[in-house]
Protein backbone atom coordinates (compact mmCIF):
# COMPACT_ATOMS: atom_id res chain seq x y z
CA MET A 1 -23.61 -8.21 -19.88
CA GLN A 2 -21.99 -4.91 -18.80
CA ALA A 3 -22.81 -5.51 -15.14
CA GLN A 4 -20.66 -8.64 -15.28
CA GLN A 5 -17.60 -6.85 -16.68
CA ILE A 6 -14.72 -6.57 -14.26
CA ILE A 7 -13.51 -3.15 -15.36
CA THR A 8 -16.53 -0.95 -15.80
CA GLU A 9 -16.65 2.80 -16.29
CA GLU A 10 -17.51 3.16 -12.59
CA VAL A 11 -14.44 1.09 -11.61
CA ILE A 12 -12.24 3.29 -13.81
CA LYS A 13 -13.68 6.47 -12.25
CA LYS A 14 -13.05 5.18 -8.73
CA THR A 15 -9.54 4.10 -9.71
CA GLU A 16 -8.86 7.61 -11.02
CA PHE A 17 -10.14 8.91 -7.67
CA PHE A 18 -7.42 6.92 -5.86
CA PHE A 19 -4.78 8.65 -8.00
CA ARG A 20 -6.33 12.16 -7.74
CA VAL A 21 -7.03 12.16 -4.01
CA PRO A 22 -3.80 13.87 -2.86
CA ILE A 23 -4.50 16.76 -5.24
CA ASP A 24 -8.27 17.00 -4.84
CA ASN A 25 -8.47 16.32 -1.07
CA GLN A 26 -5.41 17.95 0.44
CA GLU A 27 -6.68 17.44 3.99
CA MET A 28 -5.64 13.80 3.51
CA LEU A 29 -2.02 14.72 2.77
CA PRO A 30 -0.74 14.40 6.36
CA THR A 31 -1.79 10.74 6.33
CA LEU A 32 -1.07 9.97 2.68
CA LEU A 33 2.24 11.77 2.22
CA PRO A 34 4.29 9.38 4.38
CA LEU A 35 2.80 6.46 2.45
CA ILE A 36 3.47 8.04 -0.92
CA ALA A 37 7.03 9.09 -0.03
CA GLY A 38 7.87 5.78 1.66
CA GLY A 39 6.48 3.72 -1.19
CA VAL A 40 8.23 5.74 -3.89
CA ILE A 41 11.57 5.76 -2.06
CA MET A 42 11.49 2.01 -1.38
CA GLU A 43 10.46 1.10 -4.92
CA LEU A 44 13.13 3.35 -6.43
CA TYR A 45 15.70 1.91 -4.02
CA PHE A 46 14.96 -1.66 -5.09
CA GLY A 47 15.06 -0.56 -8.72
CA LYS A 48 18.50 0.96 -8.22
CA HIS A 49 19.81 -1.99 -6.19
CA LYS A 50 18.35 -4.91 -8.12
CA GLN A 51 20.61 -7.48 -6.43
CA GLU A 52 19.21 -6.65 -3.00
CA SER A 53 16.12 -8.23 -1.62
CA LEU A 54 13.84 -7.34 1.24
CA GLY A 55 15.30 -8.39 4.58
CA TRP A 56 13.66 -9.45 7.81
CA ASN A 57 14.24 -6.07 9.44
CA THR A 58 12.62 -4.24 6.54
CA SER A 59 9.73 -6.71 6.64
CA VAL A 60 9.08 -5.92 10.31
CA GLY A 61 9.36 -2.19 9.61
CA ASN A 62 6.98 -2.38 6.67
CA ALA A 63 4.43 -4.30 8.73
CA ALA A 64 4.70 -1.58 11.38
CA ILE A 65 3.58 0.90 8.68
CA TRP A 66 0.16 -0.79 8.71
CA MET A 67 -0.09 -0.35 12.49
CA THR A 68 1.03 3.28 12.50
CA THR A 69 -1.24 4.14 9.57
CA GLY A 70 -4.20 2.63 11.42
CA LEU A 71 -3.30 4.54 14.56
CA THR A 72 -2.96 7.76 12.54
CA ILE A 73 -6.47 7.23 11.19
CA LEU A 74 -7.83 6.66 14.70
CA ILE A 75 -6.11 9.79 16.01
CA SER A 76 -6.90 12.08 13.08
CA GLU A 77 -10.46 11.08 12.23
CA THR A 78 -13.51 11.72 14.34
CA GLY A 79 -16.86 10.12 13.79
CA LEU A 80 -15.69 7.00 12.00
CA SER A 81 -18.53 4.66 11.09
CA GLN A 82 -18.54 1.09 12.40
CA PRO A 83 -17.25 -0.34 9.08
CA GLU A 84 -14.50 2.31 8.99
CA LEU A 85 -13.52 1.51 12.58
CA ARG A 86 -13.47 -2.21 11.82
CA ALA A 87 -11.31 -1.62 8.74
CA THR A 88 -8.94 0.56 10.74
CA TYR A 89 -8.66 -1.99 13.55
CA ALA A 90 -8.19 -4.73 10.94
CA LEU A 91 -5.28 -2.76 9.43
CA ILE A 92 -3.69 -2.38 12.87
CA ALA A 93 -4.24 -6.08 13.60
CA LEU A 94 -2.87 -7.10 10.20
CA GLY A 95 0.24 -5.04 10.88
CA GLY A 96 0.58 -6.57 14.33
CA VAL A 97 0.22 -10.15 13.14
CA VAL A 98 2.53 -9.68 10.15
CA ALA A 99 5.13 -7.84 12.28
CA PHE A 100 4.98 -10.65 14.87
CA MET A 101 5.33 -13.33 12.18
CA ASP A 102 8.21 -11.43 10.58
CA PHE A 103 9.92 -10.56 13.87
CA PHE A 104 10.09 -14.19 14.97
CA HIS A 105 10.68 -15.57 11.43
CA ILE A 106 7.64 -17.81 11.85
CA TRP A 107 6.91 -18.11 8.16
CA SER A 108 9.29 -18.60 5.27
CA ALA A 109 11.31 -15.66 4.00
CA SER A 110 9.59 -15.86 0.60
CA VAL A 111 6.13 -15.52 2.18
CA ALA A 112 7.25 -12.79 4.57
CA PHE A 113 8.98 -10.79 1.87
CA ILE A 114 5.94 -10.84 -0.42
CA ILE A 115 3.43 -9.94 2.29
CA SER A 116 5.72 -7.30 3.79
CA SER A 117 6.97 -5.85 0.52
CA SER A 118 6.75 -2.11 0.12
CA ALA A 119 4.49 -2.63 -2.89
CA MET A 120 1.99 -4.54 -0.77
CA VAL A 121 2.24 -2.50 2.41
CA TYR A 122 2.22 1.06 1.11
CA THR A 123 -0.36 0.50 -1.63
CA LEU A 124 -2.80 -1.32 0.65
CA ALA A 125 -2.43 1.28 3.39
CA TYR A 126 -2.87 4.11 0.87
CA ALA A 127 -6.04 2.57 -0.56
CA LEU A 128 -7.52 2.04 2.90
CA VAL A 129 -6.74 5.62 3.95
CA VAL A 130 -8.43 6.94 0.80
CA VAL A 131 -11.52 4.79 1.34
CA ILE A 132 -11.86 5.74 5.01
CA LYS A 133 -10.99 9.42 4.81
CA SER A 134 -13.19 9.99 1.76
CA SER A 135 -16.08 7.99 3.26
CA MET A 136 -16.19 5.98 0.04
CA ALA A 137 -18.80 3.24 0.09
CA VAL A 138 -17.14 -0.16 0.31
CA ASN A 139 -18.75 -2.28 -2.35
CA GLN A 140 -17.70 -4.49 -5.23
CA THR A 141 -16.87 -1.48 -7.42
CA THR A 142 -14.62 0.05 -4.76
CA ILE A 143 -12.82 -3.25 -4.20
CA LYS A 144 -12.26 -3.66 -7.95
CA ALA A 145 -11.06 -0.05 -8.22
CA ALA A 146 -8.65 -0.54 -5.30
CA ALA A 147 -7.34 -3.74 -6.90
CA LEU A 148 -6.89 -1.96 -10.24
CA PHE A 149 -5.14 0.93 -8.47
CA PHE A 150 -2.85 -1.58 -6.72
CA LEU A 151 -2.05 -3.28 -10.02
CA LEU A 152 -1.43 -0.03 -11.93
CA VAL A 153 0.83 1.43 -9.23
CA ASN A 154 2.90 -1.73 -8.98
CA VAL A 155 3.20 -2.19 -12.74
CA GLY A 156 4.18 1.48 -12.98
CA PHE A 157 6.94 0.98 -10.43
CA LYS A 158 8.19 -2.14 -12.24
CA ILE A 159 8.39 -0.15 -15.46
CA ILE A 160 10.29 2.67 -13.72
CA GLN A 161 12.62 0.13 -12.06
CA SER A 162 13.39 -1.44 -15.42
CA PHE A 163 14.85 1.88 -16.64
CA GLU A 164 17.07 2.36 -13.60
CA THR A 165 20.74 1.44 -13.76
CA ASP A 166 21.58 -1.41 -11.39
CA THR A 167 24.22 0.10 -9.14
CA ASP A 168 25.02 -3.26 -7.54
CA SER A 169 26.12 -4.81 -10.84
CA ASN A 170 28.92 -2.21 -11.06
CA LEU A 171 30.44 -3.28 -7.75
CA ASN A 172 33.53 -5.47 -7.85
CA ILE A 173 33.17 -7.33 -4.60
């Protein structure tokens, strides 16, 4: 019965690892810090300016984060395994495809703005960097832990945003 549970003790431990990595593995900071700072700044910005929504230019820029993060991994890591290389190239390709789709407005704004949201882009890139740079085995537990990490980070930001004063509502335009 326990093997069929979604959130097991092992999933919780791996999820905690995602949160602890910048403190425990400081050699990852050069790659993770831009993702952490960018994600926090963007989420706080959209909490402060609740009337604003993601625009096409921000969508393209956010998609470019996936490409530059992948390139940073390729440049900074030696001896990547085949699965790690494939994941890195997939991140670069994902960024390229999403940036292309956003750049030319090929899909609807609602789809583009969800896929290219800072919550999606920064959290996914962060999780992938942690998995690759820590040589974490990619299995069902890791995927569940990454999903739980993604959920917890994004719920945490929504809670923080709910406490922020909406600056835009004070404007008399």
